């Protein structure tokens, strides 16, 4: 029994390791609300600029999120503040016809999503910042627990 338990734990531990990930973090929002003025800002450093990178954003929402999709303004800047990429992205969180939530269910009514922002993007070695800001027509966006980014080496 102990051997089986140790084997399961070791397998889980090793499978959770991902050497392609360079950076990943999330910002939690108070009271499950993403306010329009509450910009999520993340800083990361690329050690090697020899491969392309993927940049994705994470979103954690509840089933109580009142809309089918979300609009997020994404800005990538270098260490000097020079904006490299700025764009408005739109992603669906719920199926339009059935209302079923997309994403991975974590605990009960909480769902995790990972959406691509940049694919196989060439980053040089250095420091960068990413900002995410909700860009909906309301100032207070209920049902959003956290937003974050993930930077990983591209598989190409």
N, C-alpha and C. Protein backbone atom coordinates (compact mmCIF):
# COMPACT_ATOMS: atom_id res chain seq x y z
N UNK A 1 0.82 -1.18 0.00
CA UNK A 1 0.00 0.00 0.00
C UNK A 1 0.88 1.26 0.00
N UNK A 2 1.90 1.28 0.86
CA UNK A 2 2.81 2.43 0.89
C UNK A 2 3.54 2.61 -0.42
N UNK A 3 3.96 1.52 -1.01
CA UNK A 3 4.67 1.58 -2.28
C UNK A 3 3.77 2.16 -3.37
N UNK A 4 2.54 1.73 -3.40
CA UNK A 4 1.60 2.25 -4.40
C UNK A 4 1.35 3.74 -4.18
N UNK A 5 1.21 4.15 -2.94
CA UNK A 5 0.98 5.56 -2.62
C UNK A 5 2.20 6.40 -3.00
N UNK A 6 3.39 5.92 -2.69
CA UNK A 6 4.62 6.64 -3.04
C UNK A 6 4.79 6.73 -4.55
N UNK A 7 4.44 5.66 -5.26
CA UNK A 7 4.54 5.64 -6.71
C UNK A 7 3.58 6.66 -7.32
N UNK A 8 2.35 6.71 -6.81
CA UNK A 8 1.37 7.68 -7.31
C UNK A 8 1.85 9.11 -7.06
N UNK A 9 2.37 9.36 -5.88
CA UNK A 9 2.86 10.70 -5.54
C UNK A 9 4.02 11.11 -6.44
N UNK A 10 4.95 10.20 -6.65
CA UNK A 10 6.11 10.49 -7.49
C UNK A 10 5.69 10.72 -8.94
N UNK A 11 4.77 9.94 -9.43
CA UNK A 11 4.27 10.12 -10.79
C UNK A 11 3.60 11.48 -10.94
N UNK A 12 2.79 11.85 -9.97
CA UNK A 12 2.12 13.15 -10.00
C UNK A 12 3.13 14.28 -9.95
N UNK A 13 4.13 14.16 -9.11
CA UNK A 13 5.15 15.18 -8.98
C UNK A 13 5.93 15.36 -10.29
N UNK A 14 6.33 14.27 -10.90
CA UNK A 14 7.11 14.35 -12.14
C UNK A 14 6.28 14.84 -13.31
N UNK A 15 5.00 14.47 -13.34
CA UNK A 15 4.16 14.90 -14.46
C UNK A 15 3.82 16.38 -14.37
N UNK A 16 3.89 16.95 -13.18
CA UNK A 16 3.58 18.38 -13.03
C UNK A 16 4.76 19.25 -13.42
N UNK A 17 5.94 18.69 -13.57
CA UNK A 17 7.11 19.46 -13.97
C UNK A 17 7.04 19.76 -15.46
N UNK A 18 7.33 20.99 -15.83
CA UNK A 18 7.33 21.38 -17.22
C UNK A 18 8.54 22.28 -17.43
N UNK A 19 9.54 21.74 -18.11
CA UNK A 19 10.76 22.51 -18.30
C UNK A 19 10.63 23.55 -19.42
N UNK A 20 9.50 23.58 -20.12
CA UNK A 20 9.27 24.57 -21.15
C UNK A 20 8.77 25.89 -20.55
N UNK A 21 8.20 25.83 -19.35
CA UNK A 21 7.66 27.03 -18.72
C UNK A 21 8.81 27.91 -18.22
N UNK A 22 8.75 29.18 -18.57
CA UNK A 22 9.74 30.15 -18.14
C UNK A 22 9.20 30.96 -16.96
N UNK A 23 7.90 31.27 -17.02
CA UNK A 23 7.30 32.11 -16.00
C UNK A 23 5.79 31.86 -15.98
N UNK A 24 5.24 31.82 -14.78
CA UNK A 24 3.78 31.73 -14.64
C UNK A 24 3.38 32.25 -13.28
N UNK A 25 2.44 33.18 -13.26
CA UNK A 25 1.90 33.69 -12.01
C UNK A 25 0.53 34.28 -12.28
N UNK A 26 -0.24 34.39 -11.22
CA UNK A 26 -1.59 34.93 -11.30
C UNK A 26 -1.78 36.02 -10.25
N UNK A 27 -2.70 36.93 -10.54
CA UNK A 27 -3.09 37.96 -9.58
C UNK A 27 -4.52 37.67 -9.15
N UNK A 28 -4.71 37.51 -7.85
CA UNK A 28 -6.05 37.27 -7.30
C UNK A 28 -6.76 38.60 -7.11
N UNK A 29 -8.07 38.60 -7.40
CA UNK A 29 -8.88 39.80 -7.24
C UNK A 29 -9.73 39.68 -5.99
N UNK A 30 -9.80 40.79 -5.24
CA UNK A 30 -10.59 40.82 -4.01
C UNK A 30 -12.07 40.68 -4.33
N UNK A 31 -12.76 39.98 -3.49
CA UNK A 31 -14.22 39.85 -3.53
C UNK A 31 -14.75 39.28 -4.85
N UNK A 32 -13.90 38.55 -5.60
CA UNK A 32 -14.31 37.94 -6.87
C UNK A 32 -14.79 38.97 -7.88
N UNK A 33 -14.14 40.13 -7.88
CA UNK A 33 -14.49 41.22 -8.79
C UNK A 33 -13.24 41.71 -9.50
N UNK A 34 -13.31 41.86 -10.83
CA UNK A 34 -12.22 42.47 -11.58
C UNK A 34 -12.68 43.86 -11.97
N UNK A 35 -12.13 44.85 -11.29
CA UNK A 35 -12.48 46.24 -11.56
C UNK A 35 -11.75 46.74 -12.79
N UNK A 36 -12.38 47.64 -13.54
CA UNK A 36 -11.78 48.16 -14.77
C UNK A 36 -10.43 48.83 -14.51
N UNK A 37 -10.29 49.49 -13.37
CA UNK A 37 -9.02 50.16 -13.06
C UNK A 37 -7.99 49.22 -12.43
N UNK A 38 -8.37 47.99 -12.17
CA UNK A 38 -7.47 47.01 -11.54
C UNK A 38 -6.67 46.27 -12.61
N UNK A 39 -5.57 46.88 -13.03
CA UNK A 39 -4.71 46.29 -14.06
C UNK A 39 -3.80 45.24 -13.44
N UNK A 40 -3.77 44.08 -14.05
CA UNK A 40 -2.86 43.02 -13.60
C UNK A 40 -1.54 43.20 -14.36
N UNK A 41 -0.47 43.45 -13.62
CA UNK A 41 0.86 43.69 -14.23
C UNK A 41 1.83 42.63 -13.76
N UNK A 42 2.58 42.09 -14.71
CA UNK A 42 3.52 41.02 -14.43
C UNK A 42 4.86 41.34 -15.09
N UNK A 43 5.94 41.06 -14.37
CA UNK A 43 7.28 41.25 -14.91
C UNK A 43 8.00 39.91 -14.92
N UNK A 44 8.68 39.64 -16.02
CA UNK A 44 9.43 38.39 -16.14
C UNK A 44 10.71 38.64 -16.91
N UNK A 45 11.61 37.69 -16.81
CA UNK A 45 12.90 37.81 -17.49
C UNK A 45 13.14 36.58 -18.35
N UNK A 46 13.64 36.82 -19.55
CA UNK A 46 14.02 35.75 -20.47
C UNK A 46 15.53 35.63 -20.42
N UNK A 47 16.02 34.47 -20.05
CA UNK A 47 17.46 34.24 -19.95
C UNK A 47 18.10 33.99 -21.32
N UNK A 48 17.40 33.22 -22.15
CA UNK A 48 17.93 32.86 -23.46
C UNK A 48 16.95 33.30 -24.54
N UNK A 49 17.45 34.07 -25.48
CA UNK A 49 16.61 34.54 -26.58
C UNK A 49 16.81 33.73 -27.84
N UNK A 50 17.20 32.46 -27.68
CA UNK A 50 17.52 31.63 -28.84
C UNK A 50 16.33 30.88 -29.42
N UNK A 51 15.20 30.86 -28.74
CA UNK A 51 14.02 30.13 -29.21
C UNK A 51 12.81 31.05 -29.17
N UNK A 52 11.80 30.74 -29.96
CA UNK A 52 10.56 31.51 -29.85
C UNK A 52 9.79 31.11 -28.59
N UNK A 53 8.92 32.01 -28.15
CA UNK A 53 8.16 31.80 -26.92
C UNK A 53 6.67 31.94 -27.19
N UNK A 54 5.89 31.25 -26.38
CA UNK A 54 4.44 31.40 -26.36
C UNK A 54 4.07 32.18 -25.11
N UNK A 55 3.17 33.13 -25.25
CA UNK A 55 2.65 33.86 -24.10
C UNK A 55 1.14 33.63 -24.06
N UNK A 56 0.68 33.20 -22.92
CA UNK A 56 -0.74 32.90 -22.72
C UNK A 56 -1.24 33.64 -21.50
N UNK A 57 -2.55 33.84 -21.44
CA UNK A 57 -3.07 34.40 -20.20
C UNK A 57 -4.02 33.41 -19.55
N UNK A 58 -3.94 33.38 -18.23
CA UNK A 58 -4.78 32.51 -17.41
C UNK A 58 -5.95 33.32 -16.89
N UNK A 59 -7.08 32.67 -16.76
CA UNK A 59 -8.24 33.31 -16.17
C UNK A 59 -8.97 32.29 -15.31
N UNK A 60 -9.35 32.71 -14.13
CA UNK A 60 -10.13 31.85 -13.23
C UNK A 60 -11.44 32.58 -12.94
N UNK A 61 -12.54 31.91 -13.27
CA UNK A 61 -13.86 32.51 -13.05
C UNK A 61 -14.81 31.51 -12.41
N UNK A 62 -15.91 32.05 -11.90
CA UNK A 62 -16.95 31.20 -11.32
C UNK A 62 -18.08 31.03 -12.33
N UNK A 63 -18.95 30.11 -12.02
CA UNK A 63 -20.13 29.88 -12.85
C UNK A 63 -21.04 31.10 -12.82
N UNK A 64 -20.86 31.97 -11.83
CA UNK A 64 -21.65 33.18 -11.70
C UNK A 64 -21.21 34.33 -12.58
N UNK A 65 -20.18 34.11 -13.40
CA UNK A 65 -19.77 35.16 -14.34
C UNK A 65 -20.94 35.43 -15.28
N UNK A 66 -21.39 36.68 -15.41
CA UNK A 66 -22.67 36.95 -16.09
C UNK A 66 -22.64 37.01 -17.62
N UNK A 67 -21.48 36.85 -18.25
CA UNK A 67 -21.40 37.00 -19.70
C UNK A 67 -20.83 35.72 -20.32
N UNK A 68 -21.01 35.57 -21.64
CA UNK A 68 -20.48 34.38 -22.30
C UNK A 68 -19.01 34.52 -22.66
N UNK A 69 -18.53 35.74 -22.81
CA UNK A 69 -17.12 35.95 -23.16
C UNK A 69 -16.55 37.11 -22.37
N UNK A 70 -15.25 37.29 -22.57
CA UNK A 70 -14.54 38.36 -21.88
C UNK A 70 -13.61 39.06 -22.87
N UNK A 71 -13.49 40.37 -22.72
CA UNK A 71 -12.55 41.16 -23.51
C UNK A 71 -11.43 41.62 -22.58
N UNK A 72 -10.20 41.39 -23.02
CA UNK A 72 -9.02 41.74 -22.22
C UNK A 72 -8.04 42.51 -23.10
N UNK A 73 -7.56 43.63 -22.59
CA UNK A 73 -6.53 44.39 -23.27
C UNK A 73 -5.17 43.88 -22.81
N UNK A 74 -4.33 43.48 -23.75
CA UNK A 74 -3.02 42.88 -23.48
C UNK A 74 -1.93 43.80 -24.02
N UNK A 75 -0.91 44.07 -23.17
CA UNK A 75 0.23 44.90 -23.59
C UNK A 75 1.51 44.22 -23.14
N UNK A 76 2.43 44.01 -24.09
CA UNK A 76 3.77 43.48 -23.81
C UNK A 76 4.76 44.60 -24.04
N UNK A 77 5.61 44.86 -23.05
CA UNK A 77 6.61 45.93 -23.16
C UNK A 77 7.97 45.40 -22.73
N UNK A 78 9.03 46.03 -23.25
CA UNK A 78 10.39 45.63 -22.85
C UNK A 78 10.79 46.42 -21.60
N UNK A 79 12.03 46.24 -21.17
CA UNK A 79 12.49 46.86 -19.92
C UNK A 79 12.57 48.39 -20.01
N UNK A 80 12.66 48.94 -21.21
CA UNK A 80 12.70 50.39 -21.39
C UNK A 80 11.30 50.99 -21.48
N UNK A 81 10.27 50.14 -21.41
CA UNK A 81 8.90 50.62 -21.50
C UNK A 81 8.37 50.70 -22.92
N UNK A 82 9.18 50.29 -23.88
CA UNK A 82 8.77 50.29 -25.29
C UNK A 82 7.70 49.22 -25.49
N UNK A 83 6.53 49.61 -25.98
CA UNK A 83 5.44 48.66 -26.21
C UNK A 83 5.77 47.83 -27.45
N UNK A 84 5.85 46.52 -27.27
CA UNK A 84 6.14 45.61 -28.37
C UNK A 84 4.87 45.11 -29.03
N UNK A 85 3.88 44.80 -28.23
CA UNK A 85 2.59 44.31 -28.73
C UNK A 85 1.49 44.88 -27.84
N UNK A 86 0.43 45.33 -28.47
CA UNK A 86 -0.76 45.78 -27.75
C UNK A 86 -1.96 45.34 -28.55
N UNK A 87 -2.85 44.59 -27.91
CA UNK A 87 -4.04 44.15 -28.64
C UNK A 87 -5.18 43.83 -27.68
N UNK A 88 -6.37 43.89 -28.22
CA UNK A 88 -7.58 43.54 -27.50
C UNK A 88 -7.96 42.12 -27.90
N UNK A 89 -8.10 41.24 -26.92
CA UNK A 89 -8.46 39.85 -27.20
C UNK A 89 -9.83 39.54 -26.61
N UNK A 90 -10.52 38.65 -27.27
CA UNK A 90 -11.84 38.24 -26.83
C UNK A 90 -11.87 36.72 -26.77
N UNK A 91 -12.36 36.17 -25.66
CA UNK A 91 -12.44 34.73 -25.49
C UNK A 91 -13.78 34.34 -24.86
N UNK A 92 -14.30 33.21 -25.33
CA UNK A 92 -15.55 32.70 -24.77
C UNK A 92 -15.27 31.85 -23.54
N UNK A 93 -16.05 32.08 -22.49
CA UNK A 93 -15.95 31.31 -21.26
C UNK A 93 -17.08 30.29 -21.13
N UNK A 94 -18.16 30.53 -21.87
CA UNK A 94 -19.33 29.66 -21.83
C UNK A 94 -19.80 29.39 -23.26
N UNK A 95 -20.37 28.20 -23.48
CA UNK A 95 -20.94 27.85 -24.76
C UNK A 95 -22.19 28.71 -25.00
N UNK A 96 -22.30 29.29 -26.19
CA UNK A 96 -23.41 30.19 -26.48
C UNK A 96 -24.76 29.48 -26.49
N UNK A 97 -24.78 28.25 -26.97
CA UNK A 97 -26.06 27.54 -27.09
C UNK A 97 -26.48 26.87 -25.80
N UNK A 98 -25.56 26.18 -25.15
CA UNK A 98 -25.92 25.39 -23.98
C UNK A 98 -25.67 26.11 -22.66
N UNK A 99 -24.79 27.11 -22.67
CA UNK A 99 -24.44 27.80 -21.44
C UNK A 99 -23.44 27.04 -20.59
N UNK A 100 -22.98 25.89 -21.09
CA UNK A 100 -21.99 25.10 -20.36
C UNK A 100 -20.66 25.84 -20.31
N UNK A 101 -20.01 25.83 -19.17
CA UNK A 101 -18.72 26.53 -19.06
C UNK A 101 -17.61 25.78 -19.77
N UNK A 102 -16.72 26.55 -20.40
CA UNK A 102 -15.50 25.99 -20.96
C UNK A 102 -14.45 25.99 -19.85
N UNK A 103 -13.29 25.46 -20.13
CA UNK A 103 -12.21 25.48 -19.16
C UNK A 103 -12.20 24.23 -18.31
N UNK A 104 -11.22 24.19 -17.45
CA UNK A 104 -11.04 23.06 -16.53
C UNK A 104 -11.70 23.40 -15.22
N UNK A 105 -12.48 22.49 -14.72
CA UNK A 105 -13.14 22.72 -13.44
C UNK A 105 -12.17 22.41 -12.32
N UNK A 106 -11.99 23.38 -11.45
CA UNK A 106 -11.12 23.18 -10.30
C UNK A 106 -11.91 22.70 -9.11
N UNK A 107 -12.54 23.60 -8.43
CA UNK A 107 -13.33 23.29 -7.25
C UNK A 107 -14.75 23.76 -7.46
N UNK A 108 -15.68 22.86 -7.52
CA UNK A 108 -17.09 23.22 -7.61
C UNK A 108 -17.43 24.08 -8.79
N UNK A 109 -17.72 25.36 -8.54
CA UNK A 109 -18.16 26.27 -9.59
C UNK A 109 -17.03 27.13 -10.15
N UNK A 110 -15.78 26.75 -9.93
CA UNK A 110 -14.63 27.53 -10.39
C UNK A 110 -14.01 26.87 -11.62
N UNK A 111 -13.71 27.69 -12.64
CA UNK A 111 -13.15 27.17 -13.89
C UNK A 111 -11.88 27.92 -14.24
N UNK A 112 -10.88 27.17 -14.70
CA UNK A 112 -9.59 27.72 -15.11
C UNK A 112 -9.48 27.67 -16.63
N UNK A 113 -8.98 28.75 -17.20
CA UNK A 113 -8.80 28.86 -18.65
C UNK A 113 -7.37 29.29 -18.94
N UNK A 114 -6.87 28.89 -20.10
CA UNK A 114 -5.59 29.37 -20.60
C UNK A 114 -5.78 29.72 -22.06
N UNK A 115 -5.58 31.00 -22.40
CA UNK A 115 -5.81 31.49 -23.75
C UNK A 115 -4.51 31.99 -24.36
N UNK A 116 -4.26 31.67 -25.63
CA UNK A 116 -3.03 32.15 -26.28
C UNK A 116 -3.09 33.64 -26.58
N UNK A 117 -1.98 34.31 -26.34
CA UNK A 117 -1.83 35.72 -26.70
C UNK A 117 -0.86 35.87 -27.86
N UNK A 118 0.32 35.26 -27.72
CA UNK A 118 1.34 35.26 -28.77
C UNK A 118 1.88 33.85 -28.93
N UNK A 119 2.03 33.40 -30.16
CA UNK A 119 2.54 32.06 -30.43
C UNK A 119 3.83 32.17 -31.23
N UNK A 120 4.86 31.46 -30.78
CA UNK A 120 6.17 31.45 -31.43
C UNK A 120 6.69 32.88 -31.64
N UNK A 121 6.64 33.65 -30.59
CA UNK A 121 7.06 35.05 -30.65
C UNK A 121 8.53 35.14 -30.23
N UNK A 122 9.32 35.88 -30.99
CA UNK A 122 10.75 36.01 -30.71
C UNK A 122 11.03 37.03 -29.61
N UNK A 123 11.43 36.54 -28.46
CA UNK A 123 11.85 37.41 -27.36
C UNK A 123 13.36 37.31 -27.21
N UNK A 124 14.01 38.46 -27.09
CA UNK A 124 15.44 38.47 -26.83
C UNK A 124 15.66 38.33 -25.34
N UNK A 125 16.88 38.00 -24.95
CA UNK A 125 17.20 37.92 -23.53
C UNK A 125 16.99 39.30 -22.91
N UNK A 126 16.30 39.33 -21.77
CA UNK A 126 16.04 40.60 -21.11
C UNK A 126 14.79 40.56 -20.26
N UNK A 127 14.43 41.73 -19.74
CA UNK A 127 13.25 41.84 -18.87
C UNK A 127 12.07 42.40 -19.66
N UNK A 128 10.89 41.89 -19.33
CA UNK A 128 9.66 42.29 -20.00
C UNK A 128 8.55 42.47 -18.98
N UNK A 129 7.52 43.21 -19.40
CA UNK A 129 6.32 43.33 -18.56
C UNK A 129 5.09 43.07 -19.42
N UNK A 130 4.09 42.50 -18.79
CA UNK A 130 2.80 42.25 -19.43
C UNK A 130 1.73 42.86 -18.54
N UNK A 131 0.80 43.57 -19.17
CA UNK A 131 -0.35 44.06 -18.42
C UNK A 131 -1.61 43.50 -19.05
N UNK A 132 -2.54 43.15 -18.19
CA UNK A 132 -3.85 42.68 -18.59
C UNK A 132 -4.88 43.58 -17.92
N UNK A 133 -5.85 44.03 -18.70
CA UNK A 133 -6.91 44.87 -18.15
C UNK A 133 -8.23 44.44 -18.76
N UNK A 134 -9.23 44.22 -17.91
CA UNK A 134 -10.54 43.85 -18.44
C UNK A 134 -11.08 45.03 -19.23
N UNK A 135 -11.69 44.72 -20.37
CA UNK A 135 -12.14 45.77 -21.27
C UNK A 135 -13.60 45.54 -21.63
N UNK A 136 -14.40 45.31 -20.61
CA UNK A 136 -15.83 45.09 -20.80
C UNK A 136 -16.55 46.44 -20.72
N UNK A 137 -17.85 46.43 -20.93
CA UNK A 137 -18.62 47.68 -20.89
C UNK A 137 -19.05 48.06 -19.48
N UNK A 138 -18.64 47.29 -18.51
CA UNK A 138 -18.97 47.57 -17.12
C UNK A 138 -17.68 47.80 -16.35
N UNK A 139 -17.77 48.61 -15.31
CA UNK A 139 -16.58 48.90 -14.51
C UNK A 139 -16.23 47.75 -13.57
N UNK A 140 -17.25 47.06 -13.07
CA UNK A 140 -17.03 45.97 -12.13
C UNK A 140 -17.47 44.67 -12.79
N UNK A 141 -16.52 43.75 -12.90
CA UNK A 141 -16.78 42.47 -13.56
C UNK A 141 -16.86 41.38 -12.50
N UNK A 142 -18.07 40.94 -12.14
CA UNK A 142 -18.22 39.93 -11.09
C UNK A 142 -17.88 38.53 -11.59
N UNK A 143 -17.47 37.68 -10.66
CA UNK A 143 -17.22 36.29 -10.98
C UNK A 143 -15.83 35.98 -11.49
N UNK A 144 -14.92 36.95 -11.48
CA UNK A 144 -13.54 36.71 -11.90
C UNK A 144 -12.67 36.68 -10.65
N UNK A 145 -12.02 35.55 -10.42
CA UNK A 145 -11.21 35.38 -9.23
C UNK A 145 -9.76 35.79 -9.44
N UNK A 146 -9.22 35.51 -10.65
CA UNK A 146 -7.81 35.78 -10.90
C UNK A 146 -7.52 35.86 -12.39
N UNK A 147 -6.44 36.57 -12.72
CA UNK A 147 -5.92 36.63 -14.07
C UNK A 147 -4.40 36.53 -13.96
N UNK A 148 -3.78 35.94 -14.96
CA UNK A 148 -2.33 35.80 -14.92
C UNK A 148 -1.75 35.52 -16.28
N UNK A 149 -0.44 35.31 -16.32
CA UNK A 149 0.22 34.98 -17.59
C UNK A 149 1.10 33.76 -17.41
N UNK A 150 1.37 33.15 -18.54
CA UNK A 150 2.30 32.02 -18.63
C UNK A 150 3.18 32.26 -19.85
N UNK A 151 4.48 32.18 -19.66
CA UNK A 151 5.45 32.31 -20.74
C UNK A 151 6.18 30.98 -20.82
N UNK A 152 6.22 30.42 -22.02
CA UNK A 152 6.89 29.12 -22.19
C UNK A 152 7.63 29.11 -23.53
N UNK A 153 8.65 28.25 -23.59
CA UNK A 153 9.38 28.07 -24.85
C UNK A 153 8.46 27.37 -25.83
N UNK A 154 8.49 27.84 -27.06
CA UNK A 154 7.65 27.26 -28.10
C UNK A 154 8.21 25.89 -28.50
N UNK A 155 7.31 25.00 -28.84
CA UNK A 155 7.72 23.64 -29.25
C UNK A 155 8.26 23.57 -30.65
N UNK A 156 8.30 24.68 -31.38
CA UNK A 156 8.77 24.66 -32.77
C UNK A 156 10.25 24.51 -32.86
